[in-house]
Full PDB file with SEQRES, HELIX, SHEET, SSBOND, CRYST1, ORIGX, SCALE, CONECT and MASTER records, all heavy atoms in Angstrom:
SEQRES   1 A   37  THR TYR PHE SER PHE VAL THR LEU THR THR LEU GLY TYR          
SEQRES   2 A   37  GLY ASP ILE SER PRO ALA ARG PRO MET SER GLU VAL LEU          
SEQRES   3 A   37  VAL ILE LEU GLU ALA ILE THR GLY MET PHE TYR                  
HELIX    1 AA1 TYR A    2  LEU A    8  1                                   7    
HELIX    2 AA2 PRO A   21  PHE A   36  1                                  16    
CRYST1    1.000    1.000    1.000  90.00  90.00  90.00 P 1           1          
ORIGX1      1.000000  0.000000  0.000000        0.00000                         
ORIGX2      0.000000  1.000000  0.000000        0.00000                         
ORIGX3      0.000000  0.000000  1.000000        0.00000                         
SCALE1      1.000000  0.000000  0.000000        0.00000                         
SCALE2      0.000000  1.000000  0.000000        0.00000                         
SCALE3      0.000000  0.000000  1.000000        0.00000                         
ATOM      1  N   THR A   1     124.657  97.422 108.664  1.00  0.00           N  
ATOM      2  CA  THR A   1     123.610  98.411 108.929  1.00  0.00           C  
ATOM      3  C   THR A   1     123.284  99.302 107.813  1.00  0.00           C  
ATOM      4  O   THR A   1     122.081  99.555 107.469  1.00  0.00           O  
ATOM      5  CB  THR A   1     124.183  99.322 110.106  1.00  0.00           C  
ATOM      6  OG1 THR A   1     124.354  98.610 111.304  1.00  0.00           O  
ATOM      7  CG2 THR A   1     123.140 100.353 110.581  1.00  0.00           C  
ATOM      8  N   TYR A   2     124.419  99.718 107.083  1.00  0.00           N  
ATOM      9  CA  TYR A   2     124.064 100.475 105.805  1.00  0.00           C  
ATOM     10  C   TYR A   2     123.315  99.637 104.804  1.00  0.00           C  
ATOM     11  O   TYR A   2     122.297 100.088 104.257  1.00  0.00           O  
ATOM     12  CB  TYR A   2     125.497 100.810 105.200  1.00  0.00           C  
ATOM     13  CG  TYR A   2     125.524 101.221 103.770  1.00  0.00           C  
ATOM     14  CD1 TYR A   2     124.940 102.410 103.277  1.00  0.00           C  
ATOM     15  CD2 TYR A   2     125.966 100.227 102.827  1.00  0.00           C  
ATOM     16  CE1 TYR A   2     124.870 102.746 101.889  1.00  0.00           C  
ATOM     17  CE2 TYR A   2     125.952 100.610 101.502  1.00  0.00           C  
ATOM     18  CZ  TYR A   2     125.402 101.761 101.053  1.00  0.00           C  
ATOM     19  OH  TYR A   2     125.323 102.008  99.667  1.00  0.00           O  
ATOM     20  N   PHE A   3     123.759  98.357 104.556  1.00  0.00           N  
ATOM     21  CA  PHE A   3     123.143  97.555 103.698  1.00  0.00           C  
ATOM     22  C   PHE A   3     121.608  97.339 104.104  1.00  0.00           C  
ATOM     23  O   PHE A   3     120.756  97.219 103.218  1.00  0.00           O  
ATOM     24  CB  PHE A   3     123.812  96.261 103.419  1.00  0.00           C  
ATOM     25  CG  PHE A   3     123.107  95.297 102.647  1.00  0.00           C  
ATOM     26  CD1 PHE A   3     123.039  95.447 101.270  1.00  0.00           C  
ATOM     27  CD2 PHE A   3     122.634  94.031 103.294  1.00  0.00           C  
ATOM     28  CE1 PHE A   3     122.310  94.474 100.552  1.00  0.00           C  
ATOM     29  CE2 PHE A   3     121.935  93.052 102.441  1.00  0.00           C  
ATOM     30  CZ  PHE A   3     121.824  93.410 101.041  1.00  0.00           C  
ATOM     31  N   SER A   4     121.449  97.152 105.450  1.00  0.00           N  
ATOM     32  CA  SER A   4     120.107  96.904 105.937  1.00  0.00           C  
ATOM     33  C   SER A   4     119.147  98.098 105.591  1.00  0.00           C  
ATOM     34  O   SER A   4     118.029  97.797 105.130  1.00  0.00           O  
ATOM     35  CB  SER A   4     120.123  96.635 107.463  1.00  0.00           C  
ATOM     36  OG  SER A   4     118.850  96.393 107.940  1.00  0.00           O  
ATOM     37  N   PHE A   5     119.474  99.170 105.781  1.00  0.00           N  
ATOM     38  CA  PHE A   5     118.676 100.394 105.589  1.00  0.00           C  
ATOM     39  C   PHE A   5     118.530 100.632 104.084  1.00  0.00           C  
ATOM     40  O   PHE A   5     117.368 101.112 103.732  1.00  0.00           O  
ATOM     41  CB  PHE A   5     119.266 101.636 106.341  1.00  0.00           C  
ATOM     42  CG  PHE A   5     118.919 101.607 107.734  1.00  0.00           C  
ATOM     43  CD1 PHE A   5     119.825 101.280 108.689  1.00  0.00           C  
ATOM     44  CD2 PHE A   5     117.520 101.953 108.167  1.00  0.00           C  
ATOM     45  CE1 PHE A   5     119.501 101.296 110.026  1.00  0.00           C  
ATOM     46  CE2 PHE A   5     117.316 101.971 109.667  1.00  0.00           C  
ATOM     47  CZ  PHE A   5     118.328 101.624 110.506  1.00  0.00           C  
ATOM     48  N   VAL A   6     119.465 100.412 103.246  1.00  0.00           N  
ATOM     49  CA  VAL A   6     119.306 100.452 101.887  1.00  0.00           C  
ATOM     50  C   VAL A   6     118.308  99.489 101.336  1.00  0.00           C  
ATOM     51  O   VAL A   6     117.478  99.831 100.477  1.00  0.00           O  
ATOM     52  CB  VAL A   6     120.769 100.204 101.117  1.00  0.00           C  
ATOM     53  CG1 VAL A   6     120.422 100.083  99.654  1.00  0.00           C  
ATOM     54  CG2 VAL A   6     121.615 101.478 101.319  1.00  0.00           C  
ATOM     55  N   THR A   7     118.252  98.221 101.987  1.00  0.00           N  
ATOM     56  CA  THR A   7     117.380  97.332 101.596  1.00  0.00           C  
ATOM     57  C   THR A   7     115.970  97.592 102.032  1.00  0.00           C  
ATOM     58  O   THR A   7     114.901  97.377 101.440  1.00  0.00           O  
ATOM     59  CB  THR A   7     117.861  95.924 102.075  1.00  0.00           C  
ATOM     60  OG1 THR A   7     119.100  95.586 101.655  1.00  0.00           O  
ATOM     61  CG2 THR A   7     116.721  94.774 101.658  1.00  0.00           C  
ATOM     62  N   LEU A   8     115.925  98.116 103.512  1.00  0.00           N  
ATOM     63  CA  LEU A   8     114.621  98.296 103.961  1.00  0.00           C  
ATOM     64  C   LEU A   8     113.825  99.365 103.205  1.00  0.00           C  
ATOM     65  O   LEU A   8     112.645  99.309 103.050  1.00  0.00           O  
ATOM     66  CB  LEU A   8     114.836  98.704 105.339  1.00  0.00           C  
ATOM     67  CG  LEU A   8     113.564  98.962 106.327  1.00  0.00           C  
ATOM     68  CD1 LEU A   8     112.813  97.652 106.512  1.00  0.00           C  
ATOM     69  CD2 LEU A   8     113.922  99.419 107.654  1.00  0.00           C  
ATOM     70  N   THR A   9     114.544 100.434 102.737  1.00  0.00           N  
ATOM     71  CA  THR A   9     113.946 101.458 101.993  1.00  0.00           C  
ATOM     72  C   THR A   9     113.833 101.141 100.525  1.00  0.00           C  
ATOM     73  O   THR A   9     113.482 102.042  99.749  1.00  0.00           O  
ATOM     74  CB  THR A   9     114.828 102.739 102.086  1.00  0.00           C  
ATOM     75  OG1 THR A   9     116.216 102.556 101.733  1.00  0.00           O  
ATOM     76  CG2 THR A   9     114.783 103.145 103.489  1.00  0.00           C  
ATOM     77  N   THR A  10     114.332 100.016 100.116  1.00  0.00           N  
ATOM     78  CA  THR A  10     114.231  99.392  98.699  1.00  0.00           C  
ATOM     79  C   THR A  10     114.941 100.277  97.733  1.00  0.00           C  
ATOM     80  O   THR A  10     114.547 100.460  96.568  1.00  0.00           O  
ATOM     81  CB  THR A  10     112.791  99.208  98.288  1.00  0.00           C  
ATOM     82  OG1 THR A  10     112.066 100.413  98.130  1.00  0.00           O  
ATOM     83  CG2 THR A  10     111.943  98.301  99.161  1.00  0.00           C  
ATOM     84  N   LEU A  11     116.099 100.991  98.218  1.00  0.00           N  
ATOM     85  CA  LEU A  11     116.938 101.780  97.294  1.00  0.00           C  
ATOM     86  C   LEU A  11     117.677 100.772  96.370  1.00  0.00           C  
ATOM     87  O   LEU A  11     117.693 101.087  95.287  1.00  0.00           O  
ATOM     88  CB  LEU A  11     117.789 102.579  98.143  1.00  0.00           C  
ATOM     89  CG  LEU A  11     117.182 103.804  98.804  1.00  0.00           C  
ATOM     90  CD1 LEU A  11     118.135 104.634  99.747  1.00  0.00           C  
ATOM     91  CD2 LEU A  11     116.603 104.761  97.824  1.00  0.00           C  
ATOM     92  N   GLY A  12     118.377  99.866  96.900  1.00  0.00           N  
ATOM     93  CA  GLY A  12     119.207  98.902  96.074  1.00  0.00           C  
ATOM     94  C   GLY A  12     120.215  99.515  95.265  1.00  0.00           C  
ATOM     95  O   GLY A  12     120.208  99.418  93.998  1.00  0.00           O  
ATOM     96  N   TYR A  13     121.244 100.124  96.019  1.00  0.00           N  
ATOM     97  CA  TYR A  13     122.275 100.585  95.312  1.00  0.00           C  
ATOM     98  C   TYR A  13     123.194  99.714  94.456  1.00  0.00           C  
ATOM     99  O   TYR A  13     123.718  99.962  93.330  1.00  0.00           O  
ATOM    100  CB  TYR A  13     123.229 101.344  96.171  1.00  0.00           C  
ATOM    101  CG  TYR A  13     122.668 102.724  96.650  1.00  0.00           C  
ATOM    102  CD1 TYR A  13     122.709 102.978  98.058  1.00  0.00           C  
ATOM    103  CD2 TYR A  13     122.194 103.696  95.822  1.00  0.00           C  
ATOM    104  CE1 TYR A  13     122.103 104.162  98.483  1.00  0.00           C  
ATOM    105  CE2 TYR A  13     121.606 104.871  96.306  1.00  0.00           C  
ATOM    106  CZ  TYR A  13     121.637 105.135  97.686  1.00  0.00           C  
ATOM    107  OH  TYR A  13     121.068 106.353  98.184  1.00  0.00           O  
ATOM    108  N   GLY A  14     123.326  98.367  95.008  1.00  0.00           N  
ATOM    109  CA  GLY A  14     123.916  97.434  94.233  1.00  0.00           C  
ATOM    110  C   GLY A  14     125.489  97.210  94.721  1.00  0.00           C  
ATOM    111  O   GLY A  14     126.078  96.298  94.198  1.00  0.00           O  
ATOM    112  N   ASP A  15     125.974  98.090  95.506  1.00  0.00           N  
ATOM    113  CA  ASP A  15     127.355  97.931  95.903  1.00  0.00           C  
ATOM    114  C   ASP A  15     127.607  96.745  96.829  1.00  0.00           C  
ATOM    115  O   ASP A  15     128.575  96.205  96.990  1.00  0.00           O  
ATOM    116  CB  ASP A  15     127.796  99.244  96.617  1.00  0.00           C  
ATOM    117  CG  ASP A  15     126.894  99.763  97.768  1.00  0.00           C  
ATOM    118  OD1 ASP A  15     125.774  99.197  97.730  1.00  0.00           O  
ATOM    119  OD2 ASP A  15     127.326 100.646  98.590  1.00  0.00           O  
ATOM    120  N   ILE A  16     126.448  96.345  97.533  1.00  0.00           N  
ATOM    121  CA  ILE A  16     126.450  95.166  98.395  1.00  0.00           C  
ATOM    122  C   ILE A  16     125.340  94.410  98.028  1.00  0.00           C  
ATOM    123  O   ILE A  16     124.147  94.826  97.848  1.00  0.00           O  
ATOM    124  CB  ILE A  16     126.409  95.535  99.900  1.00  0.00           C  
ATOM    125  CG1 ILE A  16     127.621  96.292 100.318  1.00  0.00           C  
ATOM    126  CG2 ILE A  16     126.391  94.191 100.761  1.00  0.00           C  
ATOM    127  CD1 ILE A  16     127.462  96.892 101.743  1.00  0.00           C  
ATOM    128  N   SER A  17     125.510  93.130  97.791  1.00  0.00           N  
ATOM    129  CA  SER A  17     124.304  92.211  97.315  1.00  0.00           C  
ATOM    130  C   SER A  17     124.397  90.812  98.002  1.00  0.00           C  
ATOM    131  O   SER A  17     125.555  90.431  98.369  1.00  0.00           O  
ATOM    132  CB  SER A  17     124.344  92.099  95.852  1.00  0.00           C  
ATOM    133  OG  SER A  17     125.542  91.511  95.368  1.00  0.00           O  
ATOM    134  N   PRO A  18     123.312  90.107  98.170  1.00  0.00           N  
ATOM    135  CA  PRO A  18     123.336  88.765  98.729  1.00  0.00           C  
ATOM    136  C   PRO A  18     123.963  87.778  97.840  1.00  0.00           C  
ATOM    137  O   PRO A  18     123.853  87.862  96.522  1.00  0.00           O  
ATOM    138  CB  PRO A  18     121.840  88.423  99.086  1.00  0.00           C  
ATOM    139  CG  PRO A  18     121.241  89.311  97.898  1.00  0.00           C  
ATOM    140  CD  PRO A  18     121.896  90.463  97.858  1.00  0.00           C  
ATOM    141  N   ALA A  19     124.740  86.858  98.383  1.00  0.00           N  
ATOM    142  CA  ALA A  19     125.513  85.834  97.612  1.00  0.00           C  
ATOM    143  C   ALA A  19     125.255  84.498  98.158  1.00  0.00           C  
ATOM    144  O   ALA A  19     125.945  83.471  97.580  1.00  0.00           O  
ATOM    145  CB  ALA A  19     127.043  86.159  97.589  1.00  0.00           C  
ATOM    146  N   ARG A  20     124.494  84.278  99.126  1.00  0.00           N  
ATOM    147  CA  ARG A  20     124.061  83.008  99.663  1.00  0.00           C  
ATOM    148  C   ARG A  20     122.661  82.883  99.861  1.00  0.00           C  
ATOM    149  O   ARG A  20     121.894  83.784 100.009  1.00  0.00           O  
ATOM    150  CB  ARG A  20     124.811  82.854 101.002  1.00  0.00           C  
ATOM    151  CG  ARG A  20     126.326  82.552 101.074  1.00  0.00           C  
ATOM    152  CD  ARG A  20     126.440  81.169 100.831  1.00  0.00           C  
ATOM    153  NE  ARG A  20     127.941  80.700 101.066  1.00  0.00           N  
ATOM    154  CZ  ARG A  20     128.475  79.479 101.080  1.00  0.00           C  
ATOM    155  NH1 ARG A  20     127.586  78.493 101.196  1.00  0.00           N  
ATOM    156  NH2 ARG A  20     129.677  79.238 101.105  1.00  0.00           N  
ATOM    157  N   PRO A  21     122.041  81.652  99.804  1.00  0.00           N  
ATOM    158  CA  PRO A  21     120.584  81.507  99.954  1.00  0.00           C  
ATOM    159  C   PRO A  21     120.054  82.154 101.284  1.00  0.00           C  
ATOM    160  O   PRO A  21     118.964  82.873 101.169  1.00  0.00           O  
ATOM    161  CB  PRO A  21     120.348  79.959  99.948  1.00  0.00           C  
ATOM    162  CG  PRO A  21     121.617  79.503  99.176  1.00  0.00           C  
ATOM    163  CD  PRO A  21     122.754  80.411  99.489  1.00  0.00           C  
ATOM    164  N   MET A  22     120.657  81.948 102.389  1.00  0.00           N  
ATOM    165  CA  MET A  22     120.170  82.614 103.484  1.00  0.00           C  
ATOM    166  C   MET A  22     120.115  84.087 103.621  1.00  0.00           C  
ATOM    167  O   MET A  22     119.120  84.689 103.965  1.00  0.00           O  
ATOM    168  CB  MET A  22     121.003  82.105 104.786  1.00  0.00           C  
ATOM    169  CG  MET A  22     120.489  82.643 106.144  1.00  0.00           C  
ATOM    170  SD  MET A  22     118.817  82.181 106.441  1.00  0.00           S  
ATOM    171  CE  MET A  22     119.079  80.394 106.586  1.00  0.00           C  
ATOM    172  N   SER A  23     121.246  84.730 103.079  1.00  0.00           N  
ATOM    173  CA  SER A  23     121.184  86.110 102.910  1.00  0.00           C  
ATOM    174  C   SER A  23     120.169  86.607 101.902  1.00  0.00           C  
ATOM    175  O   SER A  23     119.640  87.710 102.027  1.00  0.00           O  
ATOM    176  CB  SER A  23     122.562  86.691 102.553  1.00  0.00           C  
ATOM    177  OG  SER A  23     123.026  86.072 101.293  1.00  0.00           O  
ATOM    178  N   GLU A  24     119.828  85.838 100.828  1.00  0.00           N  
ATOM    179  CA  GLU A  24     118.861  86.176  99.907  1.00  0.00           C  
ATOM    180  C   GLU A  24     117.471  86.178 100.642  1.00  0.00           C  
ATOM    181  O   GLU A  24     116.732  87.084 100.306  1.00  0.00           O  
ATOM    182  CB  GLU A  24     118.941  85.230  98.664  1.00  0.00           C  
ATOM    183  CG  GLU A  24     120.247  85.416  97.783  1.00  0.00           C  
ATOM    184  CD  GLU A  24     120.174  84.323  96.711  1.00  0.00           C  
ATOM    185  OE1 GLU A  24     119.325  83.441  96.743  1.00  0.00           O  
ATOM    186  OE2 GLU A  24     121.016  84.377  95.880  1.00  0.00           O  
ATOM    187  N   VAL A  25     117.267  85.188 101.327  1.00  0.00           N  
ATOM    188  CA  VAL A  25     116.042  85.134 102.105  1.00  0.00           C  
ATOM    189  C   VAL A  25     115.833  86.327 102.976  1.00  0.00           C  
ATOM    190  O   VAL A  25     114.813  86.916 103.069  1.00  0.00           O  
ATOM    191  CB  VAL A  25     115.913  83.829 102.895  1.00  0.00           C  
ATOM    192  CG1 VAL A  25     114.615  83.835 103.782  1.00  0.00           C  
ATOM    193  CG2 VAL A  25     115.769  82.564 101.897  1.00  0.00           C  
ATOM    194  N   LEU A  26     116.827  86.693 103.814  1.00  0.00           N  
ATOM    195  CA  LEU A  26     116.759  87.869 104.609  1.00  0.00           C  
ATOM    196  C   LEU A  26     116.452  89.200 103.765  1.00  0.00           C  
ATOM    197  O   LEU A  26     115.732  89.974 104.350  1.00  0.00           O  
ATOM    198  CB  LEU A  26     118.113  87.925 105.468  1.00  0.00           C  
ATOM    199  CG  LEU A  26     118.310  86.899 106.437  1.00  0.00           C  
ATOM    200  CD1 LEU A  26     119.648  87.156 107.171  1.00  0.00           C  
ATOM    201  CD2 LEU A  26     117.180  86.947 107.600  1.00  0.00           C  
ATOM    202  N   VAL A  27     117.172  89.272 102.680  1.00  0.00           N  
ATOM    203  CA  VAL A  27     116.968  90.491 101.898  1.00  0.00           C  
ATOM    204  C   VAL A  27     115.454  90.598 101.352  1.00  0.00           C  
ATOM    205  O   VAL A  27     114.884  91.610 101.413  1.00  0.00           O  
ATOM    206  CB  VAL A  27     117.892  90.458 100.675  1.00  0.00           C  
ATOM    207  CG1 VAL A  27     117.492  91.431  99.638  1.00  0.00           C  
ATOM    208  CG2 VAL A  27     119.263  90.798 101.127  1.00  0.00           C  
ATOM    209  N   ILE A  28     114.921  89.444 100.950  1.00  0.00           N  
ATOM    210  CA  ILE A  28     113.453  89.429 100.450  1.00  0.00           C  
ATOM    211  C   ILE A  28     112.617  89.691 101.593  1.00  0.00           C  
ATOM    212  O   ILE A  28     111.651  90.500 101.336  1.00  0.00           O  
ATOM    213  CB  ILE A  28     113.248  87.945  99.918  1.00  0.00           C  
ATOM    214  CG1 ILE A  28     113.977  87.738  98.727  1.00  0.00           C  
ATOM    215  CG2 ILE A  28     111.739  87.832  99.734  1.00  0.00           C  
ATOM    216  CD1 ILE A  28     113.839  86.214  98.204  1.00  0.00           C  
ATOM    217  N   LEU A  29     112.833  89.095 102.739  1.00  0.00           N  
ATOM    218  CA  LEU A  29     111.893  89.511 103.912  1.00  0.00           C  
ATOM    219  C   LEU A  29     111.980  90.983 104.391  1.00  0.00           C  
ATOM    220  O   LEU A  29     111.027  91.608 104.708  1.00  0.00           O  
ATOM    221  CB  LEU A  29     112.222  88.595 105.045  1.00  0.00           C  
ATOM    222  CG  LEU A  29     111.861  87.058 104.910  1.00  0.00           C  
ATOM    223  CD1 LEU A  29     112.417  86.288 106.020  1.00  0.00           C  
ATOM    224  CD2 LEU A  29     110.386  86.863 104.639  1.00  0.00           C  
ATOM    225  N   GLU A  30     113.194  91.547 104.283  1.00  0.00           N  
ATOM    226  CA  GLU A  30     113.404  92.986 104.758  1.00  0.00           C  
ATOM    227  C   GLU A  30     112.818  93.846 103.769  1.00  0.00           C  
ATOM    228  O   GLU A  30     112.108  94.863 104.068  1.00  0.00           O  
ATOM    229  CB  GLU A  30     114.868  93.261 104.925  1.00  0.00           C  
ATOM    230  CG  GLU A  30     115.071  94.662 105.511  1.00  0.00           C  
ATOM    231  CD  GLU A  30     116.432  94.959 105.942  1.00  0.00           C  
ATOM    232  OE1 GLU A  30     117.303  94.265 105.320  1.00  0.00           O  
ATOM    233  OE2 GLU A  30     116.650  95.893 106.586  1.00  0.00           O  
ATOM    234  N   ALA A  31     112.919  93.487 102.494  1.00  0.00           N  
ATOM    235  CA  ALA A  31     112.430  94.378 101.388  1.00  0.00           C  
ATOM    236  C   ALA A  31     110.806  94.383 101.415  1.00  0.00           C  
ATOM    237  O   ALA A  31     110.202  95.498 101.339  1.00  0.00           O  
ATOM    238  CB  ALA A  31     112.849  93.861 100.041  1.00  0.00           C  
ATOM    239  N   ILE A  32     110.234  93.244 101.746  1.00  0.00           N  
ATOM    240  CA  ILE A  32     108.852  93.080 101.842  1.00  0.00           C  
ATOM    241  C   ILE A  32     108.399  93.914 103.100  1.00  0.00           C  
ATOM    242  O   ILE A  32     107.343  94.729 103.013  1.00  0.00           O  
ATOM    243  CB  ILE A  32     108.313  91.701 102.046  1.00  0.00           C  
ATOM    244  CG1 ILE A  32     108.612  90.944 100.680  1.00  0.00           C  
ATOM    245  CG2 ILE A  32     106.858  91.577 102.308  1.00  0.00           C  
ATOM    246  CD1 ILE A  32     108.335  89.421 100.805  1.00  0.00           C  
ATOM    247  N   THR A  33     109.099  93.858 104.209  1.00  0.00           N  
ATOM    248  CA  THR A  33     108.796  94.546 105.341  1.00  0.00           C  
ATOM    249  C   THR A  33     108.827  96.081 105.143  1.00  0.00           C  
ATOM    250  O   THR A  33     107.985  96.877 105.620  1.00  0.00           O  
ATOM    251  CB  THR A  33     109.696  94.262 106.534  1.00  0.00           C  
ATOM    252  OG1 THR A  33     109.649  92.910 106.750  1.00  0.00           O  
ATOM    253  CG2 THR A  33     109.408  95.059 107.766  1.00  0.00           C  
ATOM    254  N   GLY A  34     109.864  96.519 104.375  1.00  0.00           N  
ATOM    255  CA  GLY A  34     110.062  97.921 103.998  1.00  0.00           C  
ATOM    256  C   GLY A  34     108.958  98.480 103.259  1.00  0.00           C  
ATOM    257  O   GLY A  34     108.448  99.704 103.459  1.00  0.00           O  
ATOM    258  N   MET A  35     108.470  97.649 102.247  1.00  0.00           N  
ATOM    259  CA  MET A  35     107.351  98.041 101.298  1.00  0.00           C  
ATOM    260  C   MET A  35     106.024  98.274 102.105  1.00  0.00           C  
ATOM    261  O   MET A  35     105.305  99.138 101.893  1.00  0.00           O  
ATOM    262  CB  MET A  35     107.306  97.039 100.198  1.00  0.00           C  
ATOM    263  CG  MET A  35     108.431  97.045  99.203  1.00  0.00           C  
ATOM    264  SD  MET A  35     108.261  95.833  97.957  1.00  0.00           S  
ATOM    265  CE  MET A  35     106.617  96.408  97.165  1.00  0.00           C  
ATOM    266  N   PHE A  36     105.861  97.311 103.009  1.00  0.00           N  
ATOM    267  CA  PHE A  36     104.429  97.304 103.627  1.00  0.00           C  
ATOM    268  C   PHE A  36     104.474  98.084 104.948  1.00  0.00           C  
ATOM    269  O   PHE A  36     103.469  98.381 105.485  1.00  0.00           O  
ATOM    270  CB  PHE A  36     103.961  95.964 103.923  1.00  0.00           C  
ATOM    271  CG  PHE A  36     103.520  95.138 102.702  1.00  0.00           C  
ATOM    272  CD1 PHE A  36     104.299  94.393 101.949  1.00  0.00           C  
ATOM    273  CD2 PHE A  36     102.146  95.328 102.329  1.00  0.00           C  
ATOM    274  CE1 PHE A  36     103.887  93.688 100.825  1.00  0.00           C  
ATOM    275  CE2 PHE A  36     101.764  94.782 101.168  1.00  0.00           C  
ATOM    276  CZ  PHE A  36     102.486  93.907 100.405  1.00  0.00           C  
ATOM    277  N   TYR A  37     105.603  98.512 105.428  1.00  0.00           N  
ATOM    278  CA  TYR A  37     105.705  99.216 106.701  1.00  0.00           C  
ATOM    279  C   TYR A  37     104.784 100.452 106.588  1.00  0.00           C  
ATOM    280  O   TYR A  37     104.161 100.806 107.530  1.00  0.00           O  
ATOM    281  CB  TYR A  37     107.061  99.512 107.158  1.00  0.00           C  
ATOM    282  CG  TYR A  37     107.222 100.333 108.417  1.00  0.00           C  
ATOM    283  CD1 TYR A  37     107.166  99.696 109.665  1.00  0.00           C  
ATOM    284  CD2 TYR A  37     107.332 101.647 108.446  1.00  0.00           C  
ATOM    285  CE1 TYR A  37     107.333 100.285 110.834  1.00  0.00           C  
ATOM    286  CE2 TYR A  37     107.370 102.371 109.645  1.00  0.00           C  
ATOM    287  CZ  TYR A  37     107.394 101.651 110.796  1.00  0.00           C  
ATOM    288  OH  TYR A  37     107.428 102.413 111.982  1.00  0.00           O  
TER     289      TYR A  37                                                      
MASTER        0    0    0    2    0    0    0    6  288    1    0    3          
END                                                                             
């Protein structure tokens, strides 16, 4: 939940990061959603 809101708001602290292709795709989609919301 913490990581999700950090990604949604595009803060990107870096303490948690995607390490698998599926998690990378989810991060990309959430970041795009946060930017355009």
